[in-house]
C-alpha atoms as a PDB file:
ATOM      1  CA  MET A   1      -0.374   0.265   0.330  1.00  0.00           C
ATOM      2  CA  ARG A   2       1.210   3.343  -0.950  1.00  0.00           C
ATOM      3  CA  TYR A   3       0.016   6.714   0.081  1.00  0.00           C
ATOM      4  CA  TRP A   4      -0.965   9.727  -2.145  1.00  0.00           C
ATOM      5  CA  TRP A   5      -1.660  13.803  -1.271  1.00  0.00           C
ATOM      6  CA  VAL A   6      -4.050  14.861  -4.060  1.00  0.00           C
ATOM      7  CA  ASN A   7      -4.489  18.398  -4.136  1.00  0.00           C
ATOM      8  CA  GLN A   8      -8.282  19.216  -5.745  1.00  0.00           C
ATOM      9  CA  ASN A   9      -8.931  22.854  -5.581  1.00  0.00           C
ATOM     10  CA  GLN A  10     -10.121  23.218  -9.297  1.00  0.00           C
ATOM     11  CA  THR A  11     -12.373  20.001  -9.260  1.00  0.00           C
ATOM     12  CA  PHE A  12     -12.712  18.646  -5.787  1.00  0.00           C
ATOM     13  CA  ARG A  13     -16.742  18.362  -6.076  1.00  0.00           C
ATOM     14  CA  GLN A  14     -16.443  16.714  -9.548  1.00  0.00           C
ATOM     15  CA  GLU A  15     -13.868  14.305  -8.605  1.00  0.00           C
ATOM     16  CA  ILE A  16     -14.948  13.160  -5.381  1.00  0.00           C
ATOM     17  CA  GLU A  17     -19.042  13.159  -6.331  1.00  0.00           C
ATOM     18  CA  GLY A  18     -17.753  11.069  -9.506  1.00  0.00           C
ATOM     19  CA  GLY A  19     -15.018   8.641  -8.082  1.00  0.00           C
ATOM     20  CA  TYR A  20     -11.947   9.254  -9.470  1.00  0.00           C
ATOM     21  CA  LEU A  21      -8.603  11.171 -10.223  1.00  0.00           C
ATOM     22  CA  TRP A  22      -8.199  12.865 -13.334  1.00  0.00           C
ATOM     23  CA  SER A  23      -5.005  14.787 -15.138  1.00  0.00           C
ATOM     24  CA  PRO A  24      -3.468  15.993 -18.504  1.00  0.00           C
ATOM     25  CA  LYS A  25      -0.683  14.098 -19.330  1.00  0.00           C
ATOM     26  CA  ARG A  26       1.832  16.917 -19.582  1.00  0.00           C
ATOM     27  CA  ASN A  27       1.518  20.471 -18.311  1.00  0.00           C
ATOM     28  CA  LYS A  28      -0.066  23.228 -20.851  1.00  0.00           C
ATOM     29  CA  LYS A  29       3.662  23.698 -22.426  1.00  0.00           C
ATOM     30  CA  GLY A  30       3.636  19.900 -23.005  1.00  0.00           C
ATOM     31  CA  HIS A  31       6.378  19.062 -20.754  1.00  0.00           C
ATOM     32  CA  ARG A  32       6.297  16.207 -18.565  1.00  0.00           C
ATOM     33  CA  ASN A  33       5.045  16.809 -14.929  1.00  0.00           C
ATOM     34  CA  PRO A  34       5.946  14.658 -12.072  1.00  0.00           C
ATOM     35  CA  PHE A  35       2.293  15.481 -10.679  1.00  0.00           C
ATOM     36  CA  TYR A  36       0.915  14.110 -13.305  1.00  0.00           C
ATOM     37  CA  GLU A  37       2.901  10.942 -14.092  1.00  0.00           C
ATOM     38  CA  PHE A  38       2.861   9.607 -10.553  1.00  0.00           C
ATOM     39  CA  MET A  39      -0.970   9.168 -12.220  1.00  0.00           C
ATOM     40  CA  ARG A  40       1.248   6.023 -13.575  1.00  0.00           C
ATOM     41  CA  GLU A  41       1.739   4.472 -10.540  1.00  0.00           C
ATOM     42  CA  VAL A  42      -1.510   4.390  -8.010  1.00  0.00           C
ATOM     43  CA  ALA A  43      -2.856   0.583  -7.535  1.00  0.00           C
ATOM     44  CA  PRO A  44      -5.824  -0.712  -5.969  1.00  0.00           C
ATOM     45  CA  GLY A  45      -6.024  -0.260  -2.343  1.00  0.00           C
ATOM     46  CA  ASP A  46      -3.325   2.914  -2.347  1.00  0.00           C
ATOM     47  CA  ILE A  47      -4.936   5.519  -0.484  1.00  0.00           C
ATOM     48  CA  VAL A  48      -5.463   9.221  -1.427  1.00  0.00           C
ATOM     49  CA  LEU A  49      -5.721  12.185   0.583  1.00  0.00           C
ATOM     50  CA  SER A  50      -7.629  14.649  -0.902  1.00  0.00           C
ATOM     51  CA  PHE A  51      -6.984  18.461  -0.065  1.00  0.00           C
ATOM     52  CA  SER A  52      -9.142  21.294  -0.661  1.00  0.00           C
ATOM     53  CA  ASP A  53      -9.678  24.772   0.476  1.00  0.00           C
ATOM     54  CA  THR A  54      -6.709  24.302   3.241  1.00  0.00           C
ATOM     55  CA  ARG A  55      -8.176  20.829   4.556  1.00  0.00           C
ATOM     56  CA  ILE A  56      -8.024  17.282   4.705  1.00  0.00           C
ATOM     57  CA  ALA A  57     -11.778  17.075   3.115  1.00  0.00           C
ATOM     58  CA  ALA A  58     -12.043  13.624   2.329  1.00  0.00           C
ATOM     59  CA  LEU A  59     -10.164  10.073   1.892  1.00  0.00           C
ATOM     60  CA  GLY A  60     -10.126   7.883  -0.825  1.00  0.00           C
ATOM     61  CA  ILE A  61      -9.412   3.771  -1.496  1.00  0.00           C
ATOM     62  CA  VAL A  62      -7.667   3.348  -5.174  1.00  0.00           C
ATOM     63  CA  SER A  63      -9.908   0.789  -6.814  1.00  0.00           C
ATOM     64  CA  GLY A  64      -8.249   0.476 -10.179  1.00  0.00           C
ATOM     65  CA  TYR A  65      -5.466   1.116 -12.103  1.00  0.00           C
ATOM     66  CA  CYS A  66      -4.330   4.486 -14.173  1.00  0.00           C
ATOM     67  CA  ARG A  67      -5.407   4.288 -18.102  1.00  0.00           C
ATOM     68  CA  GLU A  68      -6.089   6.964 -20.882  1.00  0.00           C
ATOM     69  CA  SER A  69      -9.323   8.453 -20.095  1.00  0.00           C
ATOM     70  CA  PRO A  70     -10.763  11.934 -21.973  1.00  0.00           C
ATOM     71  CA  LYS A  71     -11.164  14.875 -19.973  1.00  0.00           C
ATOM     72  CA  PRO A  72     -14.216  14.760 -18.152  1.00  0.00           C
ATOM     73  CA  GLU A  73     -16.869  16.718 -18.975  1.00  0.00           C
ATOM     74  CA  GLU A  74     -18.605  17.509 -15.963  1.00  0.00           C
ATOM     75  CA  PHE A  75     -15.103  19.912 -15.365  1.00  0.00           C
ATOM     76  CA  GLY A  76     -16.245  22.917 -17.625  1.00  0.00           C
ATOM     77  CA  LEU A  77     -14.063  25.800 -17.928  1.00  0.00           C
ATOM     78  CA  ALA A  78     -11.953  24.409 -15.071  1.00  0.00           C
ATOM     79  CA  GLY A  79      -8.571  23.508 -16.667  1.00  0.00           C
ATOM     80  CA  THR A  80      -8.976  24.912 -20.014  1.00  0.00           C
ATOM     81  CA  ASN A  81      -5.202  24.727 -21.186  1.00  0.00           C
ATOM     82  CA  TRP A  82      -5.832  20.986 -19.880  1.00  0.00           C
ATOM     83  CA  SER A  83      -4.858  18.488 -23.033  1.00  0.00           C
ATOM     84  CA  GLN A  84      -8.643  16.344 -23.924  1.00  0.00           C
ATOM     85  CA  ILE A  85      -7.135  13.154 -23.368  1.00  0.00           C
ATOM     86  CA  GLY A  86      -5.284  12.493 -20.450  1.00  0.00           C
ATOM     87  CA  TRP A  87      -4.798   9.633 -16.932  1.00  0.00           C
ATOM     88  CA  ARG A  88      -7.803   8.409 -14.930  1.00  0.00           C
ATOM     89  CA  VAL A  89      -7.674   6.427 -11.732  1.00  0.00           C
ATOM     90  CA  GLY A  90     -10.795   4.869  -9.807  1.00  0.00           C
ATOM     91  CA  VAL A  91     -10.745   6.390  -6.204  1.00  0.00           C
ATOM     92  CA  ARG A  92     -13.935   5.568  -3.660  1.00  0.00           C
ATOM     93  CA  TRP A  93     -14.123   8.689  -1.525  1.00  0.00           C
ATOM     94  CA  GLN A  94     -15.227   9.577   1.894  1.00  0.00           C
ATOM     95  CA  ARG A  95     -15.854  12.741   2.626  1.00  0.00           C
ATOM     96  CA  LEU A  96     -14.676  13.657   6.520  1.00  0.00           C
ATOM     97  CA  PHE A  97     -16.298  14.922   9.713  1.00  0.00           C
ATOM     98  CA  ASN A  98     -13.155  16.062  10.926  1.00  0.00           C
ATOM     99  CA  ALA A  99     -11.430  17.699   8.283  1.00  0.00           C
ATOM    100  CA  VAL A 100      -8.274  18.707   9.621  1.00  0.00           C
ATOM    101  CA  ARG A 101      -5.968  21.493   8.430  1.00  0.00           C
ATOM    102  CA  PRO A 102      -2.024  20.412   8.464  1.00  0.00           C
ATOM    103  CA  LYS A 103      -1.247  24.453   8.804  1.00  0.00           C
ATOM    104  CA  ASP A 104      -2.091  23.550  12.216  1.00  0.00           C
ATOM    105  CA  HIS A 105      -0.567  20.735  13.452  1.00  0.00           C
ATOM    106  CA  ILE A 106       2.809  21.671  10.984  1.00  0.00           C
ATOM    107  CA  THR A 107       5.016  21.241  13.690  1.00  0.00           C
ATOM    108  CA  ARG A 108       4.230  17.766  13.846  1.00  0.00           C
ATOM    109  CA  LEU A 109       4.070  17.237  10.602  1.00  0.00           C
ATOM    110  CA  ARG A 110       6.722  19.086   9.308  1.00  0.00           C
ATOM    111  CA  PRO A 111       9.528  16.025   9.641  1.00  0.00           C
ATOM    112  CA  HIS A 112       7.780  13.641   7.923  1.00  0.00           C
ATOM    113  CA  LEU A 113       7.673  15.912   4.818  1.00  0.00           C
ATOM    114  CA  GLY A 114      10.598  14.599   2.861  1.00  0.00           C
ATOM    115  CA  SER A 115      12.516  16.863   1.052  1.00  0.00           C
ATOM    116  CA  LYS A 116      11.665  16.140  -2.754  1.00  0.00           C
ATOM    117  CA  TYR A 117       7.785  16.494  -4.373  1.00  0.00           C
ATOM    118  CA  ALA A 118       6.048  17.796  -0.516  1.00  0.00           C
ATOM    119  CA  PRO A 119       2.818  18.998  -1.224  1.00  0.00           C
ATOM    120  CA  LEU A 120       3.371  21.510   1.892  1.00  0.00           C
ATOM    121  CA  THR A 121       6.198  24.221   2.623  1.00  0.00           C
ATOM    122  CA  PRO A 122       7.930  24.004   5.418  1.00  0.00           C
ATOM    123  CA  GLU A 123       5.090  26.698   6.733  1.00  0.00           C
ATOM    124  CA  GLY A 124       2.408  24.212   5.907  1.00  0.00           C
ATOM    125  CA  ASN A 125       0.983  26.235   2.792  1.00  0.00           C
ATOM    126  CA  GLY A 126      -0.450  23.860   0.381  1.00  0.00           C
ATOM    127  CA  LEU A 127       1.237  24.059  -3.374  1.00  0.00           C
ATOM    128  CA  GLN A 128      -0.474  25.149  -6.465  1.00  0.00           C
ATOM    129  CA  SER A 129       2.300  23.336  -8.437  1.00  0.00           C
ATOM    130  CA  VAL A 130       1.421  19.880  -6.788  1.00  0.00           C
ATOM    131  CA  TYR A 131      -1.482  17.965  -7.982  1.00  0.00           C
ATOM    132  CA  LEU A 132      -0.691  13.967  -7.193  1.00  0.00           C
ATOM    133  CA  THR A 133       2.497  13.331  -5.453  1.00  0.00           C
ATOM    134  CA  GLU A 134       3.423   9.891  -2.919  1.00  0.00           C
ATOM    135  CA  ILE A 135       3.631  10.931   0.914  1.00  0.00           C
ATOM    136  CA  SER A 136       5.533   9.103   3.331  1.00  0.00           C
ATOM    137  CA  ARG A 137       3.690   6.816   5.445  1.00  0.00           C
ATOM    138  CA  GLY A 138       4.633   8.574   8.315  1.00  0.00           C
ATOM    139  CA  LEU A 139       3.089  11.715   7.307  1.00  0.00           C
ATOM    140  CA  ALA A 140       0.184   9.833   6.317  1.00  0.00           C
ATOM    141  CA  TRP A 141      -0.127   8.138   9.299  1.00  0.00           C
ATOM    142  CA  ALA A 142       0.418  11.334  11.652  1.00  0.00           C
ATOM    143  CA  LEU A 143      -2.246  12.571   9.700  1.00  0.00           C
ATOM    144  CA  PHE A 144      -4.556   9.842  10.374  1.00  0.00           C
ATOM    145  CA  ASP A 145      -4.423   9.810  13.819  1.00  0.00           C
ATOM    146  CA  LEU A 146      -5.571  13.802  13.608  1.00  0.00           C
ATOM    147  CA  ILE A 147      -8.270  13.019  11.702  1.00  0.00           C
ATOM    148  CA  GLY A 148      -9.602  10.051  14.218  1.00  0.00           C
ATOM    149  CA  ALA A 149     -11.637   7.106  13.716  1.00  0.00           C
ATOM    150  CA  GLU A 150     -12.773   8.101  10.084  1.00  0.00           C
ATOM    151  CA  ALA A 151      -9.146   7.387   8.871  1.00  0.00           C
ATOM    152  CA  ARG A 152      -8.434   4.445  10.492  1.00  0.00           C
ATOM    153  CA  GLN A 153     -11.867   2.707   8.984  1.00  0.00           C
ATOM    154  CA  VAL A 154     -10.768   3.960   5.783  1.00  0.00           C
ATOM    155  CA  ALA A 155      -6.482   2.275   6.087  1.00  0.00           C
ATOM    156  CA  ASP A 156      -8.427  -1.265   6.671  1.00  0.00           C
ATOM    157  CA  VAL A 157     -10.943  -1.139   4.061  1.00  0.00           C
ATOM    158  CA  GLY A 158      -7.430   0.156   1.895  1.00  0.00           C
ATOM    159  CA  ARG A 159      -5.915  -3.123   2.921  1.00  0.00           C
ATOM    160  CA  GLU A 160      -8.583  -5.654   1.843  1.00  0.00           C
ATOM    161  CA  VAL A 161      -8.823  -3.581  -1.548  1.00  0.00           C
ATOM    162  CA  SER A 162      -5.285  -4.070  -2.171  1.00  0.00           C
ATOM    163  CA  ARG A 163      -5.321  -8.178  -1.411  1.00  0.00           C
ATOM    164  CA  ILE A 164      -8.448  -9.063  -3.380  1.00  0.00           C
ATOM    165  CA  GLU A 165      -9.571  -6.701  -5.712  1.00  0.00           C
ATOM    166  CA  ARG A 166      -7.650  -5.748  -8.886  1.00  0.00           C
ATOM    167  CA  ASP A 167      -9.032  -3.595 -12.640  1.00  0.00           C
ATOM    168  CA  SER A 168     -12.552  -5.287 -13.888  1.00  0.00           C
ATOM    169  CA  PRO A 169     -13.566  -4.773 -17.662  1.00  0.00           C
ATOM    170  CA  ALA A 170     -15.873  -1.711 -16.184  1.00  0.00           C
ATOM    171  CA  PRO A 171     -13.296   0.975 -16.196  1.00  0.00           C
ATOM    172  CA  GLU A 172     -12.113   0.134 -19.524  1.00  0.00           C
ATOM    173  CA  ARG A 173     -15.935   1.207 -21.005  1.00  0.00           C
ATOM    174  CA  ASP A 174     -15.212   4.919 -21.751  1.00  0.00           C
ATOM    175  CA  ILE A 175     -11.950   3.358 -23.882  1.00  0.00           C
ATOM    176  CA  GLU A 176     -14.089   0.941 -25.403  1.00  0.00           C
ATOM    177  CA  GLU A 177     -16.418   4.053 -26.322  1.00  0.00           C
ATOM    178  CA  TRP A 178     -13.480   6.193 -27.237  1.00  0.00           C
ATOM    179  CA  GLU A 179     -12.397   3.600 -29.707  1.00  0.00           C
ATOM    180  CA  ARG A 180     -16.122   2.586 -31.232  1.00  0.00           C
ATOM    181  CA  ARG A 181     -16.666   6.598 -31.836  1.00  0.00           C
ATOM    182  CA  VAL A 182     -13.295   6.422 -34.007  1.00  0.00           C
ATOM    183  CA  GLU A 183     -14.322   3.194 -35.984  1.00  0.00           C
ATOM    184  CA  ALA A 184     -18.114   4.449 -36.179  1.00  0.00           C
ATOM    185  CA  ASP A 185     -16.005   7.881 -37.977  1.00  0.00           C
ATOM    186  CA  ILE A 186     -13.761   5.560 -40.202  1.00  0.00           C
ATOM    187  CA  LYS A 187     -17.601   3.447 -41.340  1.00  0.00           C
ATOM    188  CA  SER A 188     -18.525   6.285 -42.717  1.00  0.00           C
ATOM    189  CA  ASP A 189     -15.643   8.323 -43.874  1.00  0.00           C
ATOM    190  CA  ALA A 190     -16.749   8.427 -47.680  1.00  0.00           C
ATOM    191  CA  ALA A 191     -13.364   9.675 -48.891  1.00  0.00           C
ATOM    192  CA  ILE A 192     -11.215   6.611 -47.181  1.00  0.00           C
ATOM    193  CA  PRO A 193     -11.252   3.362 -50.465  1.00  0.00           C
ATOM    194  CA  GLN A 194     -13.949   0.618 -49.097  1.00  0.00           C
ATOM    195  CA  THR A 195     -11.507  -1.741 -48.657  1.00  0.00           C
ATOM    196  CA  GLU A 196      -8.690   0.788 -46.406  1.00  0.00           C
ATOM    197  CA  ARG A 197     -12.087   0.809 -44.114  1.00  0.00           C
ATOM    198  CA  ALA A 198     -12.485  -2.912 -43.670  1.00  0.00           C
ATOM    199  CA  ALA A 199      -8.974  -2.697 -43.027  1.00  0.00           C
ATOM    200  CA  LEU A 200      -8.724  -0.454 -40.636  1.00  0.00           C
ATOM    201  CA  VAL A 201     -11.858  -1.358 -38.632  1.00  0.00           C
ATOM    202  CA  GLN A 202      -9.862  -5.036 -38.625  1.00  0.00           C
ATOM    203  CA  ALA A 203      -6.720  -3.761 -37.578  1.00  0.00           C
ATOM    204  CA  ARG A 204      -8.323  -2.686 -34.189  1.00  0.00           C
ATOM    205  CA  ARG A 205      -8.559  -6.351 -33.692  1.00  0.00           C
ATOM    206  CA  GLY A 206      -5.272  -7.570 -34.766  1.00  0.00           C
ATOM    207  CA  GLN A 207      -6.726  -8.961 -38.032  1.00  0.00           C
ATOM    208  CA  GLY A 208      -6.727  -8.380 -41.918  1.00  0.00           C
ATOM    209  CA  LEU A 209      -4.026  -6.627 -43.423  1.00  0.00           C
ATOM    210  CA  PHE A 210      -2.319  -5.609 -40.352  1.00  0.00           C
ATOM    211  CA  ARG A 211      -1.876  -8.773 -39.176  1.00  0.00           C
ATOM    212  CA  ASP A 212      -0.205 -10.064 -42.061  1.00  0.00           C
ATOM    213  CA  LYS A 213       2.163  -6.977 -42.169  1.00  0.00           C
ATOM    214  CA  VAL A 214       3.467  -8.127 -37.898  1.00  0.00           C
ATOM    215  CA  ARG A 215       3.925 -11.308 -39.746  1.00  0.00           C
ATOM    216  CA  SER A 216       6.267 -10.404 -42.213  1.00  0.00           C
ATOM    217  CA  ILE A 217       8.353  -8.769 -39.687  1.00  0.00           C
ATOM    218  CA  GLU A 218       8.141 -10.458 -36.352  1.00  0.00           C
ATOM    219  CA  ARG A 219       7.657 -14.313 -36.406  1.00  0.00           C
ATOM    220  CA  ALA A 220       7.272 -15.162 -32.603  1.00  0.00           C
ATOM    221  CA  CYS A 221       6.230 -13.843 -29.290  1.00  0.00           C
ATOM    222  CA  ARG A 222       8.774 -12.025 -27.769  1.00  0.00           C
ATOM    223  CA  ILE A 223       8.697 -13.227 -24.597  1.00  0.00           C
ATOM    224  CA  THR A 224       7.400 -17.010 -24.547  1.00  0.00           C
ATOM    225  CA  ARG A 225       8.883 -17.575 -28.486  1.00  0.00           C
ATOM    226  CA  VAL A 226       5.919 -19.629 -29.221  1.00  0.00           C
ATOM    227  CA  GLU A 227       5.334 -19.075 -32.668  1.00  0.00           C
ATOM    228  CA  LEU A 228       2.692 -20.858 -33.849  1.00  0.00           C
ATOM    229  CA  PRO A 229       0.565 -18.533 -35.612  1.00  0.00           C
ATOM    230  CA  GLU A 230      -2.776 -20.131 -33.869  1.00  0.00           C
ATOM    231  CA  HIS A 231      -1.245 -18.602 -30.498  1.00  0.00           C
ATOM    232  CA  LEU A 232      -0.315 -15.593 -30.971  1.00  0.00           C
ATOM    233  CA  ILE A 233      -2.317 -11.812 -31.673  1.00  0.00           C
ATOM    234  CA  ALA A 234      -0.969  -9.115 -33.889  1.00  0.00           C
ATOM    235  CA  SER A 235      -0.574  -6.210 -31.091  1.00  0.00           C
ATOM    236  CA  HIS A 236      -0.273  -2.475 -31.948  1.00  0.00           C
ATOM    237  CA  ILE A 237       2.682  -0.908 -30.207  1.00  0.00           C
ATOM    238  CA  GLN A 238       1.084   2.350 -30.205  1.00  0.00           C
ATOM    239  CA  PRO A 239      -2.811   1.943 -29.317  1.00  0.00           C
ATOM    240  CA  TRP A 240      -5.045   2.119 -32.195  1.00  0.00           C
ATOM    241  CA  ARG A 241      -7.252   4.363 -30.413  1.00  0.00           C
ATOM    242  CA  ASP A 242      -3.797   6.940 -30.820  1.00  0.00           C
ATOM    243  CA  SER A 243      -2.761   5.815 -34.099  1.00  0.00           C
ATOM    244  CA  SER A 244      -3.707   7.401 -37.498  1.00  0.00           C
ATOM    245  CA  ASN A 245      -4.916   5.652 -40.133  1.00  0.00           C
ATOM    246  CA  ASP A 246      -1.367   4.752 -41.788  1.00  0.00           C
ATOM    247  CA  GLN A 247       0.169   3.639 -38.321  1.00  0.00           C
ATOM    248  CA  ARG A 248      -3.017   1.840 -37.778  1.00  0.00           C
ATOM    249  CA  LEU A 249      -1.843  -0.577 -40.622  1.00  0.00           C
ATOM    250  CA  ASP A 250       1.945  -0.195 -40.305  1.00  0.00           C
ATOM    251  CA  GLY A 251       3.296  -3.588 -39.937  1.00  0.00           C
ATOM    252  CA  GLU A 252       6.111  -1.929 -37.610  1.00  0.00           C
ATOM    253  CA  ASN A 253       3.655  -0.537 -34.957  1.00  0.00           C
ATOM    254  CA  GLY A 254       2.629  -4.326 -34.119  1.00  0.00           C
ATOM    255  CA  LEU A 255       4.082  -7.026 -32.434  1.00  0.00           C
ATOM    256  CA  LEU A 256       2.887 -11.045 -32.022  1.00  0.00           C
ATOM    257  CA  LEU A 257       2.497 -12.082 -28.699  1.00  0.00           C
ATOM    258  CA  THR A 258       0.738 -14.511 -26.888  1.00  0.00           C
ATOM    259  CA  PRO A 259      -2.673 -13.860 -25.074  1.00  0.00           C
ATOM    260  CA  THR A 260      -1.559 -13.211 -21.630  1.00  0.00           C
ATOM    261  CA  VAL A 261       1.437 -10.710 -22.610  1.00  0.00           C
ATOM    262  CA  ASP A 262      -0.601  -9.092 -24.890  1.00  0.00           C
ATOM    263  CA  HIS A 263      -2.472  -8.577 -21.884  1.00  0.00           C
ATOM    264  CA  LEU A 264       0.267  -7.397 -19.823  1.00  0.00           C
ATOM    265  CA  PHE A 265       1.595  -4.870 -22.906  1.00  0.00           C
ATOM    266  CA  ASP A 266      -1.810  -3.654 -24.126  1.00  0.00           C
ATOM    267  CA  LYS A 267      -2.443  -2.755 -20.130  1.00  0.00           C
ATOM    268  CA  GLY A 268       0.972  -1.130 -19.662  1.00  0.00           C
ATOM    269  CA  PHE A 269       2.140  -3.461 -17.281  1.00  0.00           C
ATOM    270  CA  ILE A 270       5.150  -4.339 -19.369  1.00  0.00           C
ATOM    271  CA  SER A 271       7.357  -2.522 -22.093  1.00  0.00           C
ATOM    272  CA  PHE A 272      10.411  -2.764 -24.103  1.00  0.00           C
ATOM    273  CA  GLU A 273      13.701  -0.647 -24.260  1.00  0.00           C
ATOM    274  CA  ASN A 274      14.865   0.234 -27.587  1.00  0.00           C
ATOM    275  CA  ALA A 275      17.835  -1.923 -27.072  1.00  0.00           C
ATOM    276  CA  GLY A 276      15.590  -4.992 -26.591  1.00  0.00           C
ATOM    277  CA  HIS A 277      14.974  -5.477 -22.463  1.00  0.00           C
ATOM    278  CA  LEU A 278      11.842  -5.672 -20.306  1.00  0.00           C
ATOM    279  CA  ILE A 279      10.964  -3.094 -18.807  1.00  0.00           C
ATOM    280  CA  VAL A 280       8.440  -4.360 -15.471  1.00  0.00           C
ATOM    281  CA  SER A 281       6.024  -1.436 -14.380  1.00  0.00           C
ATOM    282  CA  PRO A 282       6.527  -1.008 -10.242  1.00  0.00           C
ATOM    283  CA  VAL A 283       2.471  -1.730  -9.749  1.00  0.00           C
ATOM    284  CA  ALA A 284       1.978  -5.262 -11.792  1.00  0.00           C
ATOM    285  CA  ASP A 285       1.306  -8.139  -9.286  1.00  0.00           C
ATOM    286  CA  PRO A 286       4.869 -10.222  -8.681  1.00  0.00           C
ATOM    287  CA  VAL A 287       2.477 -13.423  -8.235  1.00  0.00           C
ATOM    288  CA  SER A 288       0.586 -12.800 -11.858  1.00  0.00           C
ATOM    289  CA  LEU A 289       3.336 -12.453 -13.527  1.00  0.00           C
ATOM    290  CA  LYS A 290       5.475 -15.340 -12.501  1.00  0.00           C
ATOM    291  CA  ARG A 291       2.589 -17.261 -13.022  1.00  0.00           C
ATOM    292  CA  MET A 292       2.728 -15.595 -16.625  1.00  0.00           C
ATOM    293  CA  GLY A 293       5.998 -16.501 -17.396  1.00  0.00           C
ATOM    294  CA  ILE A 294       7.981 -13.189 -16.197  1.00  0.00           C
ATOM    295  CA  ASP A 295      10.005 -12.628 -13.492  1.00  0.00           C
ATOM    296  CA  ARG A 296      10.025  -9.221 -12.158  1.00  0.00           C
ATOM    297  CA  ASP A 297      13.845  -9.678 -11.037  1.00  0.00           C
ATOM    298  CA  ALA A 298      15.281 -11.445 -14.355  1.00  0.00           C
ATOM    299  CA  ARG A 299      17.608  -9.013 -16.852  1.00  0.00           C
ATOM    300  CA  VAL A 300      15.338  -9.860 -20.110  1.00  0.00           C
ATOM    301  CA  SER A 301      16.292  -9.197 -23.488  1.00  0.00           C
ATOM    302  CA  VAL A 302      13.964  -9.502 -25.947  1.00  0.00           C
ATOM    303  CA  GLY A 303      15.873  -9.021 -29.281  1.00  0.00           C
ATOM    304  CA  ALA A 304      16.555  -6.034 -31.591  1.00  0.00           C
ATOM    305  CA  PHE A 305      13.675  -4.128 -33.024  1.00  0.00           C
ATOM    306  CA  SER A 306      13.752  -2.114 -36.154  1.00  0.00           C
ATOM    307  CA  GLU A 307      13.999   1.795 -36.552  1.00  0.00           C
ATOM    308  CA  GLY A 308      10.193   2.023 -36.925  1.00  0.00           C
ATOM    309  CA  GLN A 309       9.325  -0.322 -34.130  1.00  0.00           C
ATOM    310  CA  ARG A 310      11.930   1.587 -31.466  1.00  0.00           C
ATOM    311  CA  GLN A 311       9.568   4.676 -32.438  1.00  0.00           C
ATOM    312  CA  TYR A 312       6.662   3.183 -31.634  1.00  0.00           C
ATOM    313  CA  LEU A 313       7.997   1.753 -28.529  1.00  0.00           C
ATOM    314  CA  GLU A 314       8.899   5.197 -27.614  1.00  0.00           C
ATOM    315  CA  PHE A 315       5.360   6.033 -27.609  1.00  0.00           C
ATOM    316  CA  HIS A 316       3.940   2.748 -25.777  1.00  0.00           C
ATOM    317  CA  ARG A 317       6.447   3.764 -22.815  1.00  0.00           C
ATOM    318  CA  GLU A 318       5.562   7.622 -22.832  1.00  0.00           C
ATOM    319  CA  ASN A 319       1.862   6.542 -23.065  1.00  0.00           C
ATOM    320  CA  ALA A 320       1.043   3.043 -22.048  1.00  0.00           C
ATOM    321  CA  LEU A 321       3.647   1.914 -19.388  1.00  0.00           C
ATOM    322  CA  ARG A 322       1.810   2.491 -16.099  1.00  0.00           C
ATOM    323  CA  MET A 323       4.942   3.806 -14.458  1.00  0.00           C
ATOM    324  CA  ALA A 324       6.254   7.187 -14.266  1.00  0.00           C
ATOM    325  CA  ARG A 325       8.914   8.852 -16.188  1.00  0.00           C
ATOM    326  CA  GLY A 326      12.135  10.692 -15.706  1.00  0.00           C
ATOM    327  CA  ILE A 327      11.549  10.906 -12.222  1.00  0.00           C
ATOM    328  CA  SER A 328      14.262  10.400  -9.705  1.00  0.00           C
ATOM    329  CA  LYS A 329      12.502   8.405  -6.593  1.00  0.00           C
ATOM    330  CA  ARG A 330      12.706  10.023  -2.918  1.00  0.00           C
ATOM    331  CA  GLY A 331      14.767   8.020  -1.047  1.00  0.00           C
ATOM    332  CA  PRO A 332      13.456   6.598   2.422  1.00  0.00           C
ATOM    333  CA  ASP A 333      12.921   9.390   4.826  1.00  0.00           C
ATOM    334  CA  PRO A 334      14.464   8.101   8.166  1.00  0.00           C
ATOM    335  CA  ALA A 335      11.661  10.233   9.824  1.00  0.00           C
ATOM    336  CA  ASP A 336       9.368   7.890   8.236  1.00  0.00           C
ATOM    337  CA  ALA A 337       8.075   6.411  11.808  1.00  0.00           C
ATOM    338  CA  ILE A 338       4.220   5.501  12.202  1.00  0.00           C
ATOM    339  CA  PRO A 339       2.988   7.847  15.538  1.00  0.00           C
ATOM    340  CA  ARG A 340       2.643   5.568  18.529  1.00  0.00           C
ATOM    341  CA  SER A 341      -1.081   6.800  18.843  1.00  0.00           C
ATOM    342  CA  ALA A 342      -1.922   5.137  15.798  1.00  0.00           C
ATOM    343  CA  PRO A 343      -2.089   1.551  14.609  1.00  0.00           C
ATOM    344  CA  ALA A 344       0.287   0.371  12.438  1.00  0.00           C
ATOM    345  CA  PRO A 345      -0.291  -0.176   9.107  1.00  0.00           C
ATOM    346  CA  ALA A 346      -0.294  -4.697   8.696  1.00  0.00           C
ATOM    347  CA  SER A 347       2.716  -4.860   7.189  1.00  0.00           C
ATOM    348  CA  ALA A 348       4.511  -3.248   9.825  1.00  0.00           C
ATOM    349  CA  ARG A 349       2.583  -5.127  12.508  1.00  0.00           C
END
């Protein structure tokens, strides 16, 4: 279980009532933002503390992994400079009766803030530049102790979610709807020849002309080495929904993968470096990975990729992989101790 702090001054009501977190992928200048990148590492059972109007106003239990999602319509004019496609995480929110004001307790909280990506200044003021950031267990449990029984109940439920729950098909519905709309636009576009329209629709499912082109480049699954075509899926490296029509039919935008590997790759639990080394997301369940034939601690090389494949893999790492990119991780906080008056998390008992 990890602990996160989110600043929701602009979108508190929409996100709390809707049961989610949403951020753009990049800032308004198009640059990577660490506080948006952290969305990619949130996992089921993690706890989120919502900071709004100077107080911890709600606590949430993460119910799913990060995924691509259109900007929520209910945001209205909030975030007019934000991109239309961003990251979304499902959260079960609980508003707090005892909405603690951290600044009133900053002497107690300051030792747990950490020096990098902290959500508060040393004086206890909120930082507008922060959206989502990981906080230490010590800071989380100091705040839980101040909030009281409401917080301890949420933490108990969070441990149960972390133990038994993972992604369900429901969170993918908005992506399915997004792809169906793109597919409908293709089918109705008279400027595209009929045969090409059919090929583009088949390509969404890894069939037809796209599959033939991928098979001309790839011979086997990069992970399992299975070669029989009936056991292989032609998987887009840069997702079909994010590609142009040319890219949707480009054989270099594809890999042949067995179904379990295709699932891991499509959902962003694995990716590949240009040199061919396997990347495993930090939120991927190690037990499940092992049962699927992947050892997250092993150094695995799957062979060289073509120049075209490397370009598409760059997109996959930047937009699909469930791993914060370009962020120097904060080391352990020497002051990261759980307050004696708060019940310790199960892992610390």
